[in-house]
């Protein structure tokens, strides 16, 4: 039985889905996972269009964002901007405060 290789780019047609896909990678992904997510989104949009918008040759984008790629941060920023995605930062979600064992023991006494 023949199978086809799964390609997430085929399921990321909407900009909202692309932004959520990238946000998930940025949340807790490795550098390679983030690069791969950007590659997937760029392929979903069309690498030729991304190349035109960034001013980077299509072949260079495939190489930089490919499995063995190690793109410069400037390249990542150009691609992110061409994709119309905005990077933001936020403090980590705070864990609920727990009472320390010392304070809890004092109150019980």
PDB file of N, CA and C in Angstrom:
ATOM      1  N   UNK A   1       0.835  -1.168   0.000  1.00  0.00           N
ATOM      2  CA  UNK A   1       0.000   0.000   0.000  1.00  0.00           C
ATOM      3  C   UNK A   1       0.889   1.245   0.000  1.00  0.00           C
ATOM      4  N   UNK A   2       0.645   2.156  -0.909  1.00  0.00           N
ATOM      5  CA  UNK A   2       1.428   3.386  -1.014  1.00  0.00           C
ATOM      6  C   UNK A   2       0.861   4.448  -0.084  1.00  0.00           C
ATOM      7  N   UNK A   3       1.740   5.182   0.526  1.00  0.00           N
ATOM      8  CA  UNK A   3       1.320   6.289   1.389  1.00  0.00           C
ATOM      9  C   UNK A   3       1.948   7.573   0.876  1.00  0.00           C
ATOM     10  N   UNK A   4       1.357   8.677   1.232  1.00  0.00           N
ATOM     11  CA  UNK A   4       1.922   9.968   0.856  1.00  0.00           C
ATOM     12  C   UNK A   4       2.468  10.641   2.101  1.00  0.00           C
ATOM     13  N   UNK A   5       3.486  11.420   1.910  1.00  0.00           N
ATOM     14  CA  UNK A   5       4.122  12.135   3.009  1.00  0.00           C
ATOM     15  C   UNK A   5       3.217  13.289   3.458  1.00  0.00           C
ATOM     16  N   UNK A   6       3.041  13.429   4.764  1.00  0.00           N
ATOM     17  CA  UNK A   6       2.219  14.513   5.314  1.00  0.00           C
ATOM     18  C   UNK A   6       2.966  15.828   5.167  1.00  0.00           C
ATOM     19  N   UNK A   7       2.274  16.860   4.707  1.00  0.00           N
ATOM     20  CA  UNK A   7       2.858  18.184   4.581  1.00  0.00           C
ATOM     21  C   UNK A   7       1.902  19.181   5.213  1.00  0.00           C
ATOM     22  N   UNK A   8       2.281  19.721   6.365  1.00  0.00           N
ATOM     23  CA  UNK A   8       1.429  20.669   7.092  1.00  0.00           C
ATOM     24  C   UNK A   8       1.122  21.907   6.261  1.00  0.00           C
ATOM     25  N   UNK A   9       2.002  22.253   5.328  1.00  0.00           N
ATOM     26  CA  UNK A   9       1.777  23.437   4.495  1.00  0.00           C
ATOM     27  C   UNK A   9       0.460  23.344   3.733  1.00  0.00           C
ATOM     28  N   UNK A  10       0.041  22.146   3.415  1.00  0.00           N
ATOM     29  CA  UNK A  10      -1.210  21.954   2.681  1.00  0.00           C
ATOM     30  C   UNK A  10      -2.435  22.303   3.529  1.00  0.00           C
ATOM     31  N   UNK A  11      -2.272  22.381   4.835  1.00  0.00           N
ATOM     32  CA  UNK A  11      -3.385  22.638   5.740  1.00  0.00           C
ATOM     33  C   UNK A  11      -3.316  24.017   6.391  1.00  0.00           C
ATOM     34  N   UNK A  12      -2.385  24.841   5.930  1.00  0.00           N
ATOM     35  CA  UNK A  12      -2.200  26.167   6.529  1.00  0.00           C
ATOM     36  C   UNK A  12      -2.502  27.267   5.513  1.00  0.00           C
ATOM     37  N   UNK A  13      -3.681  27.214   4.947  1.00  0.00           N
ATOM     38  CA  UNK A  13      -4.048  28.181   3.915  1.00  0.00           C
ATOM     39  C   UNK A  13      -4.402  29.547   4.489  1.00  0.00           C
ATOM     40  N   UNK A  14      -4.941  29.583   5.691  1.00  0.00           N
ATOM     41  CA  UNK A  14      -5.413  30.833   6.285  1.00  0.00           C
ATOM     42  C   UNK A  14      -4.320  31.498   7.134  1.00  0.00           C
ATOM     43  N   UNK A  15      -4.175  32.816   7.021  1.00  0.00           N
ATOM     44  CA  UNK A  15      -3.175  33.532   7.825  1.00  0.00           C
ATOM     45  C   UNK A  15      -3.325  33.302   9.334  1.00  0.00           C
ATOM     46  N   UNK A  16      -4.548  33.150   9.808  1.00  0.00           N
ATOM     47  CA  UNK A  16      -4.763  32.915  11.238  1.00  0.00           C
ATOM     48  C   UNK A  16      -4.177  31.577  11.670  1.00  0.00           C
ATOM     49  N   UNK A  17      -4.376  30.555  10.841  1.00  0.00           N
ATOM     50  CA  UNK A  17      -3.827  29.231  11.137  1.00  0.00           C
ATOM     51  C   UNK A  17      -2.301  29.268  11.093  1.00  0.00           C
ATOM     52  N   UNK A  18      -1.752  30.028  10.160  1.00  0.00           N
ATOM     53  CA  UNK A  18      -0.304  30.152  10.057  1.00  0.00           C
ATOM     54  C   UNK A  18       0.266  30.838  11.303  1.00  0.00           C
ATOM     55  N   UNK A  19      -0.395  31.894  11.746  1.00  0.00           N
ATOM     56  CA  UNK A  19       0.065  32.611  12.938  1.00  0.00           C
ATOM     57  C   UNK A  19       0.002  31.710  14.175  1.00  0.00           C
ATOM     58  N   UNK A  20      -1.049  30.936  14.299  1.00  0.00           N
ATOM     59  CA  UNK A  20      -1.171  30.013  15.435  1.00  0.00           C
ATOM     60  C   UNK A  20      -0.107  28.927  15.378  1.00  0.00           C
ATOM     61  N   UNK A  21       0.188  28.438  14.175  1.00  0.00           N
ATOM     62  CA  UNK A  21       1.213  27.416  13.989  1.00  0.00           C
ATOM     63  C   UNK A  21       2.574  27.946  14.439  1.00  0.00           C
ATOM     64  N   UNK A  22       2.896  29.177  14.034  1.00  0.00           N
ATOM     65  CA  UNK A  22       4.165  29.785  14.416  1.00  0.00           C
ATOM     66  C   UNK A  22       4.194  30.085  15.912  1.00  0.00           C
ATOM     67  N   UNK A  23       3.086  30.575  16.451  1.00  0.00           N
ATOM     68  CA  UNK A  23       3.034  30.874  17.889  1.00  0.00           C
ATOM     69  C   UNK A  23       3.290  29.618  18.715  1.00  0.00           C
ATOM     70  N   UNK A  24       2.752  28.499  18.285  1.00  0.00           N
ATOM     71  CA  UNK A  24       2.974  27.237  19.008  1.00  0.00           C
ATOM     72  C   UNK A  24       4.451  26.857  18.977  1.00  0.00           C
ATOM     73  N   UNK A  25       5.099  27.054  17.835  1.00  0.00           N
ATOM     74  CA  UNK A  25       6.530  26.742  17.732  1.00  0.00           C
ATOM     75  C   UNK A  25       7.350  27.684  18.603  1.00  0.00           C
ATOM     76  N   UNK A  26       6.991  28.965  18.612  1.00  0.00           N
ATOM     77  CA  UNK A  26       7.726  29.943  19.415  1.00  0.00           C
ATOM     78  C   UNK A  26       7.530  29.726  20.910  1.00  0.00           C
ATOM     79  N   UNK A  27       6.384  29.202  21.280  1.00  0.00           N
ATOM     80  CA  UNK A  27       6.055  29.011  22.696  1.00  0.00           C
ATOM     81  C   UNK A  27       7.054  28.111  23.403  1.00  0.00           C
ATOM     82  N   UNK A  28       7.360  26.975  22.808  1.00  0.00           N
ATOM     83  CA  UNK A  28       8.263  26.053  23.499  1.00  0.00           C
ATOM     84  C   UNK A  28       9.107  25.213  22.546  1.00  0.00           C
ATOM     85  N   UNK A  29       9.240  25.678  21.309  1.00  0.00           N
ATOM     86  CA  UNK A  29      10.005  24.913  20.327  1.00  0.00           C
ATOM     87  C   UNK A  29      11.487  25.229  20.359  1.00  0.00           C
ATOM     88  N   UNK A  30      12.252  24.330  19.773  1.00  0.00           N
ATOM     89  CA  UNK A  30      13.684  24.548  19.617  1.00  0.00           C
ATOM     90  C   UNK A  30      13.916  25.466  18.416  1.00  0.00           C
ATOM     91  N   UNK A  31      15.139  25.909  18.246  1.00  0.00           N
ATOM     92  CA  UNK A  31      15.469  26.749  17.090  1.00  0.00           C
ATOM     93  C   UNK A  31      15.154  26.013  15.784  1.00  0.00           C
ATOM     94  N   UNK A  32      15.456  24.719  15.730  1.00  0.00           N
ATOM     95  CA  UNK A  32      15.160  23.940  14.521  1.00  0.00           C
ATOM     96  C   UNK A  32      13.657  23.836  14.277  1.00  0.00           C
ATOM     97  N   UNK A  33      12.871  23.681  15.335  1.00  0.00           N
ATOM     98  CA  UNK A  33      11.411  23.587  15.186  1.00  0.00           C
ATOM     99  C   UNK A  33      10.817  24.920  14.722  1.00  0.00           C
ATOM    100  N   UNK A  34      11.363  26.020  15.216  1.00  0.00           N
ATOM    101  CA  UNK A  34      10.891  27.342  14.801  1.00  0.00           C
ATOM    102  C   UNK A  34      11.254  27.580  13.337  1.00  0.00           C
ATOM    103  N   UNK A  35      12.498  27.248  12.948  1.00  0.00           N
ATOM    104  CA  UNK A  35      12.911  27.381  11.553  1.00  0.00           C
ATOM    105  C   UNK A  35      12.023  26.535  10.651  1.00  0.00           C
ATOM    106  N   UNK A  36      11.723  25.313  11.078  1.00  0.00           N
ATOM    107  CA  UNK A  36      10.866  24.423  10.291  1.00  0.00           C
ATOM    108  C   UNK A  36       9.445  24.985  10.173  1.00  0.00           C
ATOM    109  N   UNK A  37       8.937  25.579  11.237  1.00  0.00           N
ATOM    110  CA  UNK A  37       7.597  26.174  11.189  1.00  0.00           C
ATOM    111  C   UNK A  37       7.563  27.340  10.202  1.00  0.00           C
ATOM    112  N   UNK A  38       8.594  28.173  10.224  1.00  0.00           N
ATOM    113  CA  UNK A  38       8.663  29.296   9.284  1.00  0.00           C
ATOM    114  C   UNK A  38       8.757  28.770   7.855  1.00  0.00           C
ATOM    115  N   UNK A  39       9.527  27.719   7.645  1.00  0.00           N
ATOM    116  CA  UNK A  39       9.632  27.090   6.332  1.00  0.00           C
ATOM    117  C   UNK A  39       8.260  26.594   5.871  1.00  0.00           C
ATOM    118  N   UNK A  40       7.546  25.919   6.745  1.00  0.00           N
ATOM    119  CA  UNK A  40       6.230  25.371   6.399  1.00  0.00           C
ATOM    120  C   UNK A  40       5.263  26.490   6.011  1.00  0.00           C
ATOM    121  N   UNK A  41       5.264  27.564   6.775  1.00  0.00           N
ATOM    122  CA  UNK A  41       4.368  28.688   6.481  1.00  0.00           C
ATOM    123  C   UNK A  41       4.765  29.357   5.165  1.00  0.00           C
ATOM    124  N   UNK A  42       6.059  29.517   4.934  1.00  0.00           N
ATOM    125  CA  UNK A  42       6.516  30.125   3.680  1.00  0.00           C
ATOM    126  C   UNK A  42       6.100  29.272   2.482  1.00  0.00           C
ATOM    127  N   UNK A  43       6.190  27.953   2.619  1.00  0.00           N
ATOM    128  CA  UNK A  43       5.746  27.077   1.532  1.00  0.00           C
ATOM    129  C   UNK A  43       4.238  27.150   1.349  1.00  0.00           C
ATOM    130  N   UNK A  44       3.507  27.301   2.451  1.00  0.00           N
ATOM    131  CA  UNK A  44       2.046  27.430   2.355  1.00  0.00           C
ATOM    132  C   UNK A  44       1.675  28.704   1.609  1.00  0.00           C
ATOM    133  N   UNK A  45       2.417  29.761   1.822  1.00  0.00           N
ATOM    134  CA  UNK A  45       2.146  31.035   1.147  1.00  0.00           C
ATOM    135  C   UNK A  45       2.636  31.034  -0.289  1.00  0.00           C
ATOM    136  N   UNK A  46       3.676  30.234  -0.531  1.00  0.00           N
ATOM    137  CA  UNK A  46       4.313  30.214  -1.849  1.00  0.00           C
ATOM    138  C   UNK A  46       5.700  30.814  -1.740  1.00  0.00           C
ATOM    139  N   UNK A  47       6.711  29.981  -1.864  1.00  0.00           N
ATOM    140  CA  UNK A  47       8.089  30.438  -1.665  1.00  0.00           C
ATOM    141  C   UNK A  47       8.481  31.509  -2.674  1.00  0.00           C
ATOM    142  N   UNK A  48       7.943  31.451  -3.879  1.00  0.00           N
ATOM    143  CA  UNK A  48       8.248  32.475  -4.882  1.00  0.00           C
ATOM    144  C   UNK A  48       7.754  33.838  -4.422  1.00  0.00           C
ATOM    145  N   UNK A  49       6.539  33.880  -3.889  1.00  0.00           N
ATOM    146  CA  UNK A  49       5.988  35.147  -3.391  1.00  0.00           C
ATOM    147  C   UNK A  49       6.780  35.662  -2.197  1.00  0.00           C
ATOM    148  N   UNK A  50       7.174  34.768  -1.301  1.00  0.00           N
ATOM    149  CA  UNK A  50       7.970  35.168  -0.137  1.00  0.00           C
ATOM    150  C   UNK A  50       9.321  35.697  -0.604  1.00  0.00           C
ATOM    151  N   UNK A  51       9.905  35.050  -1.597  1.00  0.00           N
ATOM    152  CA  UNK A  51      11.194  35.497  -2.135  1.00  0.00           C
ATOM    153  C   UNK A  51      11.078  36.911  -2.706  1.00  0.00           C
ATOM    154  N   UNK A  52      10.021  37.158  -3.454  1.00  0.00           N
ATOM    155  CA  UNK A  52       9.821  38.503  -4.003  1.00  0.00           C
ATOM    156  C   UNK A  52       9.664  39.540  -2.904  1.00  0.00           C
ATOM    157  N   UNK A  53       8.901  39.205  -1.879  1.00  0.00           N
ATOM    158  CA  UNK A  53       8.636  40.150  -0.792  1.00  0.00           C
ATOM    159  C   UNK A  53       9.874  40.423   0.060  1.00  0.00           C
ATOM    160  N   UNK A  54      10.762  39.446   0.167  1.00  0.00           N
ATOM    161  CA  UNK A  54      11.952  39.614   1.005  1.00  0.00           C
ATOM    162  C   UNK A  54      13.154  40.137   0.240  1.00  0.00           C
ATOM    163  N   UNK A  55      13.151  39.957  -1.085  1.00  0.00           N
ATOM    164  CA  UNK A  55      14.320  40.314  -1.877  1.00  0.00           C
ATOM    165  C   UNK A  55      15.410  39.255  -1.795  1.00  0.00           C
ATOM    166  N   UNK A  56      15.058  38.082  -1.295  1.00  0.00           N
ATOM    167  CA  UNK A  56      16.000  36.968  -1.185  1.00  0.00           C
ATOM    168  C   UNK A  56      15.629  35.942  -2.249  1.00  0.00           C
ATOM    169  N   UNK A  57      16.639  35.435  -2.958  1.00  0.00           N
ATOM    170  CA  UNK A  57      16.350  34.451  -4.003  1.00  0.00           C
ATOM    171  C   UNK A  57      15.668  33.227  -3.408  1.00  0.00           C
ATOM    172  N   UNK A  58      14.750  32.656  -4.170  1.00  0.00           N
ATOM    173  CA  UNK A  58      13.968  31.505  -3.733  1.00  0.00           C
ATOM    174  C   UNK A  58      14.866  30.342  -3.313  1.00  0.00           C
ATOM    175  N   UNK A  59      15.897  30.083  -4.084  1.00  0.00           N
ATOM    176  CA  UNK A  59      16.811  28.983  -3.768  1.00  0.00           C
ATOM    177  C   UNK A  59      17.501  29.217  -2.425  1.00  0.00           C
ATOM    178  N   UNK A  60      17.861  30.479  -2.152  1.00  0.00           N
ATOM    179  CA  UNK A  60      18.494  30.807  -0.878  1.00  0.00           C
ATOM    180  C   UNK A  60      17.522  30.603   0.286  1.00  0.00           C
ATOM    181  N   UNK A  61      16.250  30.924   0.064  1.00  0.00           N
ATOM    182  CA  UNK A  61      15.252  30.707   1.114  1.00  0.00           C
ATOM    183  C   UNK A  61      15.083  29.224   1.400  1.00  0.00           C
ATOM    184  N   UNK A  62      15.001  28.418   0.344  1.00  0.00           N
ATOM    185  CA  UNK A  62      14.881  26.970   0.548  1.00  0.00           C
ATOM    186  C   UNK A  62      16.070  26.439   1.347  1.00  0.00           C
ATOM    187  N   UNK A  63      17.276  26.930   1.018  1.00  0.00           N
ATOM    188  CA  UNK A  63      18.467  26.481   1.727  1.00  0.00           C
ATOM    189  C   UNK A  63      18.467  26.952   3.175  1.00  0.00           C
ATOM    190  N   UNK A  64      18.170  28.235   3.382  1.00  0.00           N
ATOM    191  CA  UNK A  64      18.211  28.805   4.728  1.00  0.00           C
ATOM    192  C   UNK A  64      17.153  28.201   5.647  1.00  0.00           C
ATOM    193  N   UNK A  65      15.964  27.956   5.095  1.00  0.00           N
ATOM    194  CA  UNK A  65      14.860  27.456   5.919  1.00  0.00           C
ATOM    195  C   UNK A  65      14.731  25.938   5.881  1.00  0.00           C
ATOM    196  N   UNK A  66      15.551  25.291   5.083  1.00  0.00           N
ATOM    197  CA  UNK A  66      15.494  23.841   4.957  1.00  0.00           C
ATOM    198  C   UNK A  66      16.025  23.122   6.192  1.00  0.00           C
ATOM    199  N   UNK A  67      15.948  21.819   6.152  1.00  0.00           N
ATOM    200  CA  UNK A  67      16.301  20.974   7.298  1.00  0.00           C
ATOM    201  C   UNK A  67      17.720  21.222   7.812  1.00  0.00           C
ATOM    202  N   UNK A  68      18.650  21.464   6.909  1.00  0.00           N
ATOM    203  CA  UNK A  68      20.041  21.709   7.313  1.00  0.00           C
ATOM    204  C   UNK A  68      20.364  23.191   7.383  1.00  0.00           C
ATOM    205  N   UNK A  69      19.360  24.035   7.236  1.00  0.00           N
ATOM    206  CA  UNK A  69      19.579  25.478   7.222  1.00  0.00           C
ATOM    207  C   UNK A  69      19.873  26.050   8.597  1.00  0.00           C
ATOM    208  N   UNK A  70      20.591  27.150   8.581  1.00  0.00           N
ATOM    209  CA  UNK A  70      20.888  27.889   9.803  1.00  0.00           C
ATOM    210  C   UNK A  70      20.811  29.376   9.446  1.00  0.00           C
ATOM    211  N   UNK A  71      19.583  29.879   9.242  1.00  0.00           N
ATOM    212  CA  UNK A  71      19.441  31.241   8.734  1.00  0.00           C
ATOM    213  C   UNK A  71      19.884  32.289   9.751  1.00  0.00           C
ATOM    214  N   UNK A  72      20.384  33.396   9.213  1.00  0.00           N
ATOM    215  CA  UNK A  72      20.709  34.535  10.065  1.00  0.00           C
ATOM    216  C   UNK A  72      19.408  35.119  10.587  1.00  0.00           C
ATOM    217  N   UNK A  73      19.500  35.800  11.717  1.00  0.00           N
ATOM    218  CA  UNK A  73      18.304  36.390  12.298  1.00  0.00           C
ATOM    219  C   UNK A  73      17.699  37.433  11.358  1.00  0.00           C
ATOM    220  N   UNK A  74      18.531  38.139  10.625  1.00  0.00           N
ATOM    221  CA  UNK A  74      18.030  39.130   9.668  1.00  0.00           C
ATOM    222  C   UNK A  74      17.159  38.460   8.607  1.00  0.00           C
ATOM    223  N   UNK A  75      17.543  37.268   8.180  1.00  0.00           N
ATOM    224  CA  UNK A  75      16.740  36.524   7.199  1.00  0.00           C
ATOM    225  C   UNK A  75      15.405  36.133   7.807  1.00  0.00           C
ATOM    226  N   UNK A  76      15.431  35.649   9.037  1.00  0.00           N
ATOM    227  CA  UNK A  76      14.190  35.275   9.724  1.00  0.00           C
ATOM    228  C   UNK A  76      13.265  36.486   9.820  1.00  0.00           C
ATOM    229  N   UNK A  77      13.803  37.636  10.197  1.00  0.00           N
ATOM    230  CA  UNK A  77      12.968  38.840  10.308  1.00  0.00           C
ATOM    231  C   UNK A  77      12.360  39.228   8.972  1.00  0.00           C
ATOM    232  N   UNK A  78      13.141  39.158   7.899  1.00  0.00           N
ATOM    233  CA  UNK A  78      12.605  39.491   6.575  1.00  0.00           C
ATOM    234  C   UNK A  78      11.461  38.555   6.204  1.00  0.00           C
ATOM    235  N   UNK A  79      11.647  37.273   6.466  1.00  0.00           N
ATOM    236  CA  UNK A  79      10.615  36.288   6.117  1.00  0.00           C
ATOM    237  C   UNK A  79       9.376  36.512   6.976  1.00  0.00           C
ATOM    238  N   UNK A  80       9.565  36.695   8.266  1.00  0.00           N
ATOM    239  CA  UNK A  80       8.432  36.923   9.178  1.00  0.00           C
ATOM    240  C   UNK A  80       7.629  38.142   8.715  1.00  0.00           C
ATOM    241  N   UNK A  81       8.328  39.201   8.383  1.00  0.00           N
ATOM    242  CA  UNK A  81       7.633  40.422   7.928  1.00  0.00           C
ATOM    243  C   UNK A  81       6.934  40.194   6.598  1.00  0.00           C
ATOM    244  N   UNK A  82       7.567  39.458   5.696  1.00  0.00           N
ATOM    245  CA  UNK A  82       6.944  39.147   4.403  1.00  0.00           C
ATOM    246  C   UNK A  82       5.692  38.307   4.583  1.00  0.00           C
ATOM    247  N   UNK A  83       5.689  37.470   5.615  1.00  0.00           N
ATOM    248  CA  UNK A  83       4.520  36.634   5.894  1.00  0.00           C
ATOM    249  C   UNK A  83       3.408  37.422   6.579  1.00  0.00           C
ATOM    250  N   UNK A  84       3.709  38.647   6.994  1.00  0.00           N
ATOM    251  CA  UNK A  84       2.703  39.468   7.657  1.00  0.00           C
ATOM    252  C   UNK A  84       2.457  39.060   9.096  1.00  0.00           C
ATOM    253  N   UNK A  85       3.443  38.404   9.688  1.00  0.00           N
ATOM    254  CA  UNK A  85       3.316  37.959  11.073  1.00  0.00           C
ATOM    255  C   UNK A  85       4.057  38.958  11.954  1.00  0.00           C
ATOM    256  N   UNK A  86       3.486  39.247  13.098  1.00  0.00           N
ATOM    257  CA  UNK A  86       4.100  40.175  14.034  1.00  0.00           C
ATOM    258  C   UNK A  86       4.625  39.396  15.234  1.00  0.00           C
ATOM    259  N   UNK A  87       5.898  39.594  15.528  1.00  0.00           N
ATOM    260  CA  UNK A  87       6.470  38.966  16.716  1.00  0.00           C
ATOM    261  C   UNK A  87       6.270  39.896  17.906  1.00  0.00           C
ATOM    262  N   UNK A  88       5.818  39.338  18.991  1.00  0.00           N
ATOM    263  CA  UNK A  88       5.654  40.103  20.220  1.00  0.00           C
ATOM    264  C   UNK A  88       6.241  39.298  21.364  1.00  0.00           C
ATOM    265  N   UNK A  89       6.423  39.956  22.478  1.00  0.00           N
ATOM    266  CA  UNK A  89       6.908  39.225  23.649  1.00  0.00           C
ATOM    267  C   UNK A  89       5.963  39.475  24.810  1.00  0.00           C
ATOM    268  N   UNK A  90       5.967  38.546  25.731  1.00  0.00           N
ATOM    269  CA  UNK A  90       5.132  38.639  26.918  1.00  0.00           C
ATOM    270  C   UNK A  90       5.853  37.917  28.044  1.00  0.00           C
ATOM    271  N   UNK A  91       5.647  38.362  29.253  1.00  0.00           N
ATOM    272  CA  UNK A  91       6.272  37.643  30.365  1.00  0.00           C
ATOM    273  C   UNK A  91       5.651  36.262  30.481  1.00  0.00           C
ATOM    274  N   UNK A  92       6.399  35.326  31.040  1.00  0.00           N
ATOM    275  CA  UNK A  92       5.835  33.983  31.203  1.00  0.00           C
ATOM    276  C   UNK A  92       4.653  34.020  32.147  1.00  0.00           C
ATOM    277  N   UNK A  93       3.763  33.084  31.949  1.00  0.00           N
ATOM    278  CA  UNK A  93       2.612  32.995  32.841  1.00  0.00           C
ATOM    279  C   UNK A  93       3.114  32.619  34.222  1.00  0.00           C
ATOM    280  N   UNK A  94       2.679  33.368  35.204  1.00  0.00           N
ATOM    281  CA  UNK A  94       3.130  33.120  36.572  1.00  0.00           C
ATOM    282  C   UNK A  94       2.431  31.900  37.141  1.00  0.00           C
ATOM    283  N   UNK A  95       3.207  31.098  37.831  1.00  0.00           N
ATOM    284  CA  UNK A  95       2.629  29.945  38.522  1.00  0.00           C
ATOM    285  C   UNK A  95       1.901  30.453  39.753  1.00  0.00           C
ATOM    286  N   UNK A  96       0.849  29.783  40.171  1.00  0.00           N
ATOM    287  CA  UNK A  96       0.143  30.224  41.377  1.00  0.00           C
ATOM    288  C   UNK A  96       1.091  30.205  42.570  1.00  0.00           C
ATOM    289  N   UNK A  97       0.982  31.216  43.400  1.00  0.00           N
ATOM    290  CA  UNK A  97       1.852  31.300  44.571  1.00  0.00           C
ATOM    291  C   UNK A  97       1.475  30.227  45.573  1.00  0.00           C
ATOM    292  N   UNK A  98       2.500  29.596  46.109  1.00  0.00           N
ATOM    293  CA  UNK A  98       2.287  28.556  47.111  1.00  0.00           C
ATOM    294  C   UNK A  98       2.826  29.060  48.437  1.00  0.00           C
ATOM    295  N   UNK A  99       2.207  28.648  49.482  1.00  0.00           N
ATOM    296  CA  UNK A  99       2.685  29.009  50.808  1.00  0.00           C
ATOM    297  C   UNK A  99       3.926  28.195  51.105  1.00  0.00           C
ATOM    298  N   UNK A 100       4.907  28.843  51.673  1.00  0.00           N
ATOM    299  CA  UNK A 100       6.120  28.102  52.014  1.00  0.00           C
ATOM    300  C   UNK A 100       5.854  27.225  53.227  1.00  0.00           C
ATOM    301  N   UNK A 101       6.641  26.179  53.358  1.00  0.00           N
ATOM    302  CA  UNK A 101       6.468  25.234  54.464  1.00  0.00           C
ATOM    303  C   UNK A 101       6.714  25.906  55.807  1.00  0.00           C
ATOM    304  N   UNK A 102       7.665  26.850  55.872  1.00  0.00           N
ATOM    305  CA  UNK A 102       7.969  27.536  57.131  1.00  0.00           C
ATOM    306  C   UNK A 102       6.778  28.351  57.606  1.00  0.00           C
ATOM    307  N   UNK A 103       6.217  29.141  56.694  1.00  0.00           N
ATOM    308  CA  UNK A 103       5.083  29.985  57.080  1.00  0.00           C
ATOM    309  C   UNK A 103       3.879  29.140  57.452  1.00  0.00           C
ATOM    310  N   UNK A 104       3.644  28.075  56.729  1.00  0.00           N
ATOM    311  CA  UNK A 104       2.499  27.212  57.024  1.00  0.00           C
ATOM    312  C   UNK A 104       2.667  26.552  58.388  1.00  0.00           C
ATOM    313  N   UNK A 105       3.907  26.175  58.744  1.00  0.00           N
ATOM    314  CA  UNK A 105       4.168  25.530  60.027  1.00  0.00           C
ATOM    315  C   UNK A 105       3.992  26.495  61.181  1.00  0.00           C
ATOM    316  N   UNK A 106       4.366  27.742  60.998  1.00  0.00           N
ATOM    317  CA  UNK A 106       4.233  28.750  62.057  1.00  0.00           C
ATOM    318  C   UNK A 106       2.787  29.013  62.383  1.00  0.00           C
ATOM    319  N   UNK A 107       1.980  29.061  61.344  1.00  0.00           N
ATOM    320  CA  UNK A 107       0.557  29.349  61.566  1.00  0.00           C
ATOM    321  C   UNK A 107      -0.140  28.213  62.299  1.00  0.00           C
ATOM    322  N   UNK A 108       0.302  27.000  62.054  1.00  0.00           N
ATOM    323  CA  UNK A 108      -0.335  25.851  62.675  1.00  0.00           C
ATOM    324  C   UNK A 108       0.011  25.746  64.157  1.00  0.00           C
ATOM    325  N   UNK A 109       1.144  26.342  64.557  1.00  0.00           N
ATOM    326  CA  UNK A 109       1.581  26.192  65.949  1.00  0.00           C
ATOM    327  C   UNK A 109       0.864  27.058  66.909  1.00  0.00           C
TER     328      UNK A 109
END
